[in-house]
C-alpha cells in the first residue's frame, strides 16, 4: 500500500511504525472473511481492511470524526485477521496506534469518559474488584435479568501447595481471576507441583496493563507493566524459570512488554527479558514429561473454546486440545472456532449489542455437540460464555487437575 504520511505524524515513532505496517497491506480482503464484526454488520468500515483505510486517511491528513472513532471502537482486537493475512500485517499494533491518535483528535462525551475511567479504576484494582464482586454475589438472587447473569457465581478456594521444589516459576495473579475463578491458578500450582515445580506469586504484581492500554489510557497501561516488572524482578534474579500465565489475554499482553517498553531506557532490557520468560500454561507443558501426572479422564465430553488471545495473539493453536485428548477427554467439534466469543476484555461492556450477538453464536457452536463441560484458557471468555451457556465452564487446567492420578 502506498502512503503519504503528513508531517504531523511522519517523524513520530507511532507514525513511522504505522507507515511500515500500512505498506505491508496489499488490499486483498482475506481479512474480511474472518472478521467477526464484518460478519455481523457487513460494513466494509467494520472490517480490518476498512479500519486500515480509516487509519491511513487520518495519517495522511484527512478529517477525523466520531464515525472514525466508532468504527475503531467496534473492533474486538481479536486479531483473527492477522492469522488470515498473507502479508503479515500487524493489525493489532496498527489499531492501537489508530485508536490512540483518534482519541486525541475526537474527545469523548462525559458519559463515555466516565464509563471508561470506571473500568480502568475498578477492573485492574484487585481489592476494589473483589469487594464489588462479593457484594454482587451476595445480592445476585435479587438482581434482575441480564445484569444478574453477569455476576460470576461464588467458587470455593482450593488448596495451593507450599513451595517445596528447587525449580520455581512465577504466576500472574492478575485482577479478576483470583476473585472470580480462584481455582484456576491453584489448579496450575497443584499440577506443576506434581511435575516438581513450585508455582509462586509476587503479591505486588497486578493487572498486566491490558485494561487501561486497550481503553486508550496507554500511559496507565505502561505504568502497570512497569509495576509488574518491578514486582517480578527480584524473583527472576533468584532464578525463577518462567512467568506462567493462565489467562491468555494477559499472556499476549505480557509477551508484548518488550515491544511496548522498547523506548523506555530504564525498563527496555528488563521488559524484553520478561517477554522471553512469559509462558502460557500450554508452553510450560510442552517442555515437561507429563507421565508422572497419571492422567485418566472418565469418558467426559469437552467443547474447547480457543480464546482469540491464544490462537491469534500468541499463535498457540490446538495445543490445549491435544493435552485434553491425551488426558482421555473426548473433544466435540466446534463450528467457526476461529471466531471471537464477544468478551474481548471490556468489549462486552462498551459494545454490549455486538458482544451479545457474538456470544449467542459462540454458545450455540459450543453446545451443539452436547458437551458435559466447556473448557477455555482465558478468564474473560470463561466469565462471558458462562453468562449464556447452560453447560458448566472451566479452565482447561482445572480439568487436567481433576484427572491427575495418585
Protein backbone atom coordinates (compact mmCIF):
# COMPACT_ATOMS: atom_id res chain seq x y z
CA UNK A 1 0.00 0.00 0.00
CA UNK A 2 1.37 3.43 -0.97
CA UNK A 3 1.30 6.02 1.80
CA UNK A 4 1.88 9.73 2.18
CA UNK A 5 2.04 10.45 5.91
CA UNK A 6 1.62 14.13 6.82
CA UNK A 7 4.39 15.95 8.67
CA UNK A 8 2.39 15.93 11.91
CA UNK A 9 2.91 12.16 12.18
CA UNK A 10 5.74 11.38 9.75
CA UNK A 11 8.61 11.84 12.20
CA UNK A 12 6.93 10.37 15.28
CA UNK A 13 7.56 6.77 16.46
CA UNK A 14 3.85 6.00 16.11
CA UNK A 15 3.65 7.46 12.62
CA UNK A 16 6.73 5.60 11.44
CA UNK A 17 5.55 2.30 12.86
CA UNK A 18 2.09 2.75 11.38
CA UNK A 19 3.59 3.62 7.99
CA UNK A 20 5.66 0.44 7.97
CA UNK A 21 2.61 -1.67 8.84
CA UNK A 22 0.39 0.03 6.27
CA UNK A 23 2.88 -0.58 3.48
CA UNK A 24 2.56 -4.36 4.02
CA UNK A 25 -1.17 -4.33 3.24
CA UNK A 26 -1.99 -5.40 -0.34
CA UNK A 27 -5.78 -4.76 -0.21
CA UNK A 28 -6.51 -8.47 -0.75
CA UNK A 29 -9.51 -8.59 1.59
CA UNK A 30 -8.78 -12.04 3.01
CA UNK A 31 -9.20 -10.47 6.44
CA UNK A 32 -12.88 -9.72 5.84
CA UNK A 33 -13.67 -13.43 5.71
CA UNK A 34 -12.57 -13.99 9.31
CA UNK A 35 -13.54 -10.68 10.93
CA UNK A 36 -16.36 -11.17 13.46
CA UNK A 37 -17.72 -7.62 13.21
CA UNK A 38 -17.76 -7.67 9.41
CA UNK A 39 -19.59 -11.00 9.53
CA UNK A 40 -22.26 -9.41 11.74
CA UNK A 41 -22.54 -5.93 10.21
CA UNK A 42 -21.48 -6.36 6.57
CA UNK A 43 -19.92 -2.88 6.57
CA UNK A 44 -16.50 -2.59 4.94
CA UNK A 45 -15.53 0.03 7.53
CA UNK A 46 -16.17 -2.56 10.24
CA UNK A 47 -13.62 -4.90 8.68
CA UNK A 48 -9.84 -4.83 9.18
CA UNK A 49 -9.31 -3.56 5.63
CA UNK A 50 -11.78 -0.74 6.19
CA UNK A 51 -10.27 0.25 9.51
CA UNK A 52 -6.81 0.20 7.93
CA UNK A 53 -8.08 2.70 5.34
CA UNK A 54 -9.53 4.92 8.08
CA UNK A 55 -6.20 4.96 9.93
CA UNK A 56 -4.31 5.58 6.69
CA UNK A 57 -6.58 8.52 5.82
CA UNK A 58 -6.07 10.04 9.26
CA UNK A 59 -2.29 9.73 8.97
CA UNK A 60 -2.48 11.36 5.54
CA UNK A 61 -4.33 14.37 6.90
CA UNK A 62 -7.99 13.56 6.29
CA UNK A 63 -10.63 14.77 8.71
CA UNK A 64 -11.12 12.54 11.75
CA UNK A 65 -14.68 12.26 13.01
CA UNK A 66 -16.73 10.47 15.64
CA UNK A 67 -17.63 7.98 12.91
CA UNK A 68 -13.95 7.11 12.53
CA UNK A 69 -13.67 6.51 16.27
CA UNK A 70 -16.84 4.38 16.34
CA UNK A 71 -15.56 2.03 13.65
CA UNK A 72 -12.27 1.59 15.53
CA UNK A 73 -14.16 1.12 18.81
CA UNK A 74 -16.18 -1.71 17.29
CA UNK A 75 -13.01 -3.69 16.57
CA UNK A 76 -12.60 -6.56 19.05
CA UNK A 77 -8.81 -6.65 18.57
CA UNK A 78 -9.27 -10.42 18.25
CA UNK A 79 -6.50 -10.45 15.60
CA UNK A 80 -8.18 -13.19 13.60
CA UNK A 81 -7.29 -11.05 10.59
CA UNK A 82 -3.59 -11.43 11.43
CA UNK A 83 -3.92 -15.21 11.28
CA UNK A 84 -5.57 -14.89 7.85
CA UNK A 85 -3.36 -12.16 6.37
CA UNK A 86 -0.87 -13.48 3.77
CA UNK A 87 1.25 -10.32 4.01
CA UNK A 88 1.95 -10.33 7.75
CA UNK A 89 0.15 -7.05 8.50
CA UNK A 90 0.43 -6.40 12.26
CA UNK A 91 -3.10 -5.14 12.53
CA UNK A 92 -3.25 -5.27 16.34
CA UNK A 93 -0.37 -2.82 16.67
CA UNK A 94 -1.82 -0.59 13.96
CA UNK A 95 -5.27 -0.35 15.53
CA UNK A 96 -3.71 0.51 18.93
CA UNK A 97 -1.89 3.39 17.27
CA UNK A 98 -5.01 4.48 15.38
CA UNK A 99 -7.17 4.47 18.49
CA UNK A 100 -4.66 6.46 20.48
CA UNK A 101 -4.38 9.14 17.80
CA UNK A 102 -8.13 9.31 17.16
CA UNK A 103 -8.81 9.64 20.89
CA UNK A 104 -6.71 12.81 20.89
CA UNK A 105 -8.44 14.20 17.81
CA UNK A 106 -12.04 13.41 18.79
CA UNK A 107 -12.64 13.72 22.56
CA UNK A 108 -15.41 11.57 24.02
CA UNK A 109 -18.52 12.80 25.79
CA UNK A 110 -18.80 12.88 29.57
CA UNK A 111 -20.70 9.59 29.97
CA UNK A 112 -18.27 7.63 27.78
CA UNK A 113 -15.27 9.09 29.58
CA UNK A 114 -16.82 8.29 32.96
CA UNK A 115 -17.61 4.69 31.93
CA UNK A 116 -14.11 4.07 30.65
CA UNK A 117 -12.49 5.64 33.67
CA UNK A 118 -14.64 3.48 35.94
CA UNK A 119 -13.49 0.35 34.09
CA UNK A 120 -9.86 1.43 34.35
CA UNK A 121 -10.24 2.22 38.04
CA UNK A 122 -12.18 -0.90 39.08
CA UNK A 123 -11.17 -3.91 36.96
CA UNK A 124 -7.38 -3.73 37.44
CA UNK A 125 -7.75 -2.88 41.15
CA UNK A 126 -7.93 -6.30 42.79
CA UNK A 127 -9.18 -5.21 46.27
CA UNK A 128 -11.89 -2.99 44.78
CA UNK A 129 -12.92 -5.59 42.22
CA UNK A 130 -13.08 -8.36 44.82
CA UNK A 131 -15.13 -6.22 47.20
CA UNK A 132 -17.64 -5.36 44.47
CA UNK A 133 -17.70 -8.99 43.32
CA UNK A 134 -18.57 -10.22 46.81
CA UNK A 135 -21.27 -7.57 47.10
CA UNK A 136 -22.72 -8.60 43.75
CA UNK A 137 -22.62 -12.30 44.65
CA UNK A 138 -24.44 -11.58 47.91
CA UNK A 139 -27.30 -9.84 46.12
CA UNK A 140 -27.20 -11.93 42.92
CA UNK A 141 -30.50 -13.73 43.74
CA UNK A 142 -32.40 -10.43 43.64
CA UNK A 143 -30.51 -8.76 40.77
CA UNK A 144 -32.81 -8.85 37.72
CA UNK A 145 -32.26 -10.23 34.23
CA UNK A 146 -29.09 -9.79 32.22
CA UNK A 147 -27.30 -7.85 34.95
CA UNK A 148 -27.70 -10.71 37.42
CA UNK A 149 -26.37 -13.20 34.87
CA UNK A 150 -23.17 -11.16 34.53
CA UNK A 151 -22.28 -11.68 38.21
CA UNK A 152 -20.00 -14.74 38.47
CA UNK A 153 -21.11 -17.43 40.94
CA UNK A 154 -19.26 -17.98 44.20
CA UNK A 155 -16.47 -20.52 43.87
CA UNK A 156 -14.65 -22.12 46.78
CA UNK A 157 -10.92 -21.57 47.07
CA UNK A 158 -8.90 -24.78 46.82
CA UNK A 159 -5.53 -25.65 48.40
CA UNK A 160 -2.33 -24.21 46.97
CA UNK A 161 0.73 -26.40 47.65
CA UNK A 162 3.51 -24.81 49.67
CA UNK A 163 6.75 -24.15 47.73
CA UNK A 164 9.00 -27.21 48.18
CA UNK A 165 10.91 -27.68 44.94
CA UNK A 166 14.20 -26.29 43.69
CA UNK A 167 12.54 -25.42 40.41
CA UNK A 168 10.31 -22.34 40.76
CA UNK A 169 8.05 -20.42 38.40
CA UNK A 170 6.11 -17.20 38.91
CA UNK A 171 2.42 -16.94 38.14
CA UNK A 172 0.48 -13.78 37.33
CA UNK A 173 -2.49 -13.45 39.67
CA UNK A 174 -3.88 -10.60 37.54
CA UNK A 175 -7.00 -8.69 38.53
CA UNK A 176 -10.31 -10.52 38.08
CA UNK A 177 -9.15 -14.13 38.15
CA UNK A 178 -8.24 -14.54 41.86
CA UNK A 179 -11.70 -13.41 42.93
CA UNK A 180 -13.88 -14.72 40.10
CA UNK A 181 -12.18 -18.07 39.37
CA UNK A 182 -9.78 -18.69 42.29
CA UNK A 183 -9.34 -22.38 41.48
CA UNK A 184 -7.53 -21.76 38.18
CA UNK A 185 -4.11 -20.76 39.45
CA UNK A 186 -4.45 -23.17 42.37
CA UNK A 187 -5.04 -25.98 39.86
CA UNK A 188 -1.98 -24.87 37.90
CA UNK A 189 0.06 -24.86 41.13
CA UNK A 190 -1.06 -28.40 42.04
CA UNK A 191 -0.34 -29.77 38.57
CA UNK A 192 3.11 -28.16 38.45
CA UNK A 193 3.83 -29.38 41.98
CA UNK A 194 3.35 -32.93 40.67
CA UNK A 195 5.89 -32.10 37.96
CA UNK A 196 8.46 -30.95 40.52
CA UNK A 197 7.90 -27.23 40.04
CA UNK A 198 6.76 -24.79 42.72
CA UNK A 199 4.47 -22.05 41.47
CA UNK A 200 4.83 -18.80 43.42
CA UNK A 201 3.22 -15.37 43.27
CA UNK A 202 4.58 -11.85 43.58
CA UNK A 203 1.89 -10.14 45.70
CA UNK A 204 2.84 -6.67 44.45
CA UNK A 205 2.13 -7.65 40.82
CA UNK A 206 -1.26 -6.66 39.44
CA UNK A 207 -3.05 -6.08 36.16
CA UNK A 208 -0.96 -6.88 33.10
CA UNK A 209 -1.83 -3.43 31.73
CA UNK A 210 -4.28 -4.58 29.07
CA UNK A 211 -7.41 -2.98 30.55
CA UNK A 212 -6.04 0.56 30.58
CA UNK A 213 -3.97 0.18 27.41
CA UNK A 214 -6.86 -1.04 25.27
CA UNK A 215 -9.18 1.64 26.63
CA UNK A 216 -6.72 4.21 25.25
CA UNK A 217 -5.11 5.03 28.59
CA UNK A 218 -1.85 3.81 27.16
CA UNK A 219 0.26 5.71 29.70
CA UNK A 220 -1.64 4.00 32.52
CA UNK A 221 -1.18 0.62 30.86
CA UNK A 222 2.57 1.16 30.56
CA UNK A 223 2.74 2.14 34.24
CA UNK A 224 1.05 -1.15 35.15
CA UNK A 225 3.64 -3.01 33.09
CA UNK A 226 6.50 -1.26 34.86
CA UNK A 227 4.96 -2.08 38.25
CA UNK A 228 4.80 -5.76 37.32
CA UNK A 229 8.39 -5.79 36.15
CA UNK A 230 9.45 -4.27 39.48
CA UNK A 231 7.41 -6.89 41.37
CA UNK A 232 8.73 -9.85 39.37
CA UNK A 233 12.35 -8.88 39.01
CA UNK A 234 13.59 -10.00 42.47
CA UNK A 235 12.17 -13.50 41.86
CA UNK A 236 13.73 -13.60 38.41
CA UNK A 237 17.10 -12.68 39.90
CA UNK A 238 16.63 -15.60 42.31
CA UNK A 239 16.28 -17.98 39.39
CA UNK A 240 12.57 -18.31 38.61
CA UNK A 241 12.42 -20.16 35.29
CA UNK A 242 9.30 -18.61 33.81
CA UNK A 243 6.32 -16.34 34.30
CA UNK A 244 3.34 -18.64 33.89
CA UNK A 245 0.14 -17.08 32.56
CA UNK A 246 -3.14 -18.99 32.88
CA UNK A 247 -5.18 -16.17 31.30
CA UNK A 248 -4.29 -15.97 27.62
CA UNK A 249 -5.45 -12.34 27.45
CA UNK A 250 -2.78 -11.41 29.98
CA UNK A 251 -0.27 -13.67 28.27
CA UNK A 252 -0.49 -11.92 24.91
CA UNK A 253 -0.01 -8.56 26.64
CA UNK A 254 2.97 -9.62 28.77
CA UNK A 255 4.63 -11.05 25.67
CA UNK A 256 4.36 -7.53 24.20
CA UNK A 257 6.20 -5.85 27.10
CA UNK A 258 9.49 -5.82 25.20
CA UNK A 259 7.90 -4.06 22.24
CA UNK A 260 5.75 -1.65 24.24
CA UNK A 261 8.56 -0.54 26.56
CA UNK A 262 11.30 -0.55 23.92
CA UNK A 263 11.59 3.25 24.14
CA UNK A 264 11.94 3.31 27.92
CA UNK A 265 15.66 3.29 28.70
CA UNK A 266 15.08 2.29 32.33
CA UNK A 267 12.86 -0.70 31.53
CA UNK A 268 13.55 -1.80 27.95
CA UNK A 269 16.08 -4.53 28.79
CA UNK A 270 14.05 -5.93 31.69
CA UNK A 271 10.86 -5.80 29.60
CA UNK A 272 12.50 -7.89 26.86
CA UNK A 273 13.55 -10.45 29.47
CA UNK A 274 10.05 -10.57 30.95
CA UNK A 275 8.57 -11.16 27.50
CA UNK A 276 11.04 -14.00 26.91
CA UNK A 277 10.13 -15.65 30.23
CA UNK A 278 6.37 -15.34 29.73
CA UNK A 279 4.83 -18.76 29.07
CA UNK A 280 1.28 -19.82 28.53
CA UNK A 281 0.43 -22.94 30.51
CA UNK A 282 0.43 -24.95 27.28
CA UNK A 283 4.03 -23.88 26.64
CA UNK A 284 5.05 -24.98 30.14
CA UNK A 285 3.51 -28.39 29.49
CA UNK A 286 5.36 -28.71 26.18
CA UNK A 287 8.72 -28.67 27.97
CA UNK A 288 7.80 -31.26 30.64
CA UNK A 289 7.25 -35.00 30.81
CA UNK A 290 3.61 -35.47 31.78
CA UNK A 291 3.73 -39.19 32.55
CA UNK A 292 4.01 -38.56 36.27
CA UNK A 293 0.61 -36.84 36.23
CA UNK A 294 -1.06 -40.25 35.60
CA UNK A 295 -3.89 -38.59 33.69
CA UNK A 296 -7.06 -40.60 33.34
CA UNK A 297 -10.33 -38.94 32.33
CA UNK A 298 -13.67 -40.71 32.65
CA UNK A 299 -15.47 -40.51 29.29
CA UNK A 300 -16.23 -36.82 29.62
CA UNK A 301 -17.14 -34.75 26.55
CA UNK A 302 -15.47 -31.34 26.35
CA UNK A 303 -16.12 -28.42 24.00
CA UNK A 304 -12.97 -26.31 23.87
CA UNK A 305 -13.22 -22.58 23.21
CA UNK A 306 -9.87 -21.32 21.95
CA UNK A 307 -9.57 -17.67 23.06
CA UNK A 308 -8.53 -15.22 20.35
CA UNK A 309 -5.60 -14.17 22.52
CA UNK A 310 -4.36 -17.76 22.48
CA UNK A 311 -4.90 -18.77 18.85
CA UNK A 312 -4.48 -15.42 17.08
CA UNK A 313 -2.48 -13.35 19.58
CA UNK A 314 0.01 -15.97 20.78
CA UNK A 315 -0.36 -18.29 17.76
CA UNK A 316 -0.85 -21.31 20.02
CA UNK A 317 -3.28 -23.50 18.13
CA UNK A 318 -4.58 -26.95 19.07
CA UNK A 319 -2.17 -27.47 21.97
CA UNK A 320 -4.53 -27.35 24.96
CA UNK A 321 -6.91 -29.53 22.96
CA UNK A 322 -4.14 -32.10 22.44
CA UNK A 323 -3.39 -32.31 26.14
CA UNK A 324 -7.09 -32.74 26.94
CA UNK A 325 -7.32 -35.59 24.44
CA UNK A 326 -4.18 -37.19 25.85
CA UNK A 327 -5.76 -36.99 29.29
CA UNK A 328 -8.69 -39.03 28.00
CA UNK A 329 -11.32 -36.38 27.33
CA UNK A 330 -13.47 -36.57 24.22
CA UNK A 331 -13.46 -33.23 22.40
CA UNK A 332 -16.52 -32.22 20.44
CA UNK A 333 -16.48 -30.39 17.12
CA UNK A 334 -16.96 -26.60 17.42
CA UNK A 335 -18.01 -24.71 14.30
CA UNK A 336 -16.26 -21.41 13.48
CA UNK A 337 -13.80 -21.96 16.31
CA UNK A 338 -11.67 -19.10 14.97
CA UNK A 339 -14.35 -16.50 15.79
CA UNK A 340 -14.45 -14.40 18.96
CA UNK A 341 -16.94 -15.08 21.76
CA UNK A 342 -17.53 -11.33 22.22
CA UNK A 343 -15.77 -10.89 25.56
CA UNK A 344 -12.62 -9.16 24.27
CA UNK A 345 -11.56 -7.50 27.51
CA UNK A 346 -14.09 -4.76 28.24
CA UNK A 347 -15.87 -5.09 24.88
CA UNK A 348 -18.88 -6.82 26.45
CA UNK A 349 -19.44 -3.62 28.45
CA UNK A 350 -18.55 -0.98 25.86
CA UNK A 351 -20.24 -2.75 22.91
CA UNK A 352 -22.98 -4.85 24.54
CA UNK A 353 -25.19 -5.48 21.49
CA UNK A 354 -22.40 -6.76 19.27
CA UNK A 355 -20.95 -8.72 22.16
CA UNK A 356 -24.26 -10.48 22.86
CA UNK A 357 -24.68 -11.40 19.19
CA UNK A 358 -21.23 -12.97 19.15
CA UNK A 359 -21.90 -14.73 22.45
CA UNK A 360 -25.13 -16.27 21.15
CA UNK A 361 -23.36 -17.65 18.08
CA UNK A 362 -20.45 -18.95 20.14
CA UNK A 363 -22.60 -20.69 22.75
CA UNK A 364 -24.67 -22.38 20.02
CA UNK A 365 -21.47 -23.66 18.41
CA UNK A 366 -20.00 -24.87 21.71
CA UNK A 367 -23.16 -26.63 22.90
CA UNK A 368 -24.03 -28.20 19.54
CA UNK A 369 -22.03 -31.33 20.40
CA UNK A 370 -23.79 -31.71 23.79
CA UNK A 371 -20.61 -31.49 25.88
CA UNK A 372 -20.50 -32.20 29.61
CA UNK A 373 -18.29 -29.16 30.12
CA UNK A 374 -16.96 -26.20 28.13
CA UNK A 375 -13.24 -25.52 28.58
CA UNK A 376 -11.28 -22.39 27.77
CA UNK A 377 -8.00 -20.67 28.59
CA UNK A 378 -8.93 -17.09 29.43
CA UNK A 379 -10.80 -15.53 32.35
CA UNK A 380 -12.73 -13.06 30.17
CA UNK A 381 -14.01 -15.78 27.82
CA UNK A 382 -14.76 -18.01 30.81
CA UNK A 383 -16.99 -15.47 32.56
CA UNK A 384 -18.62 -14.23 29.34
CA UNK A 385 -19.52 -17.68 27.97
CA UNK A 386 -20.81 -18.67 31.40
CA UNK A 387 -23.49 -15.96 31.19
CA UNK A 388 -25.00 -17.53 28.07
CA UNK A 389 -24.31 -21.24 28.38
CA UNK A 390 -26.33 -23.98 30.06
CA UNK A 391 -23.18 -26.11 30.23
CA UNK A 392 -20.62 -25.61 33.04
CA UNK A 393 -17.49 -23.70 32.05
CA UNK A 394 -13.99 -24.40 33.41
CA UNK A 395 -10.40 -23.57 32.60
CA UNK A 396 -8.68 -26.46 30.85
CA UNK A 397 -6.01 -26.72 33.55
CA UNK A 398 -8.81 -27.34 36.08
CA UNK A 399 -9.88 -30.34 34.01
CA UNK A 400 -6.30 -31.64 33.93
CA UNK A 401 -6.06 -31.17 37.70
CA UNK A 402 -9.32 -33.07 38.17
CA UNK A 403 -8.00 -36.20 36.43
CA UNK A 404 -4.46 -36.32 37.85
CA UNK A 405 -3.86 -39.78 39.35
CA UNK A 406 -2.33 -40.62 42.69
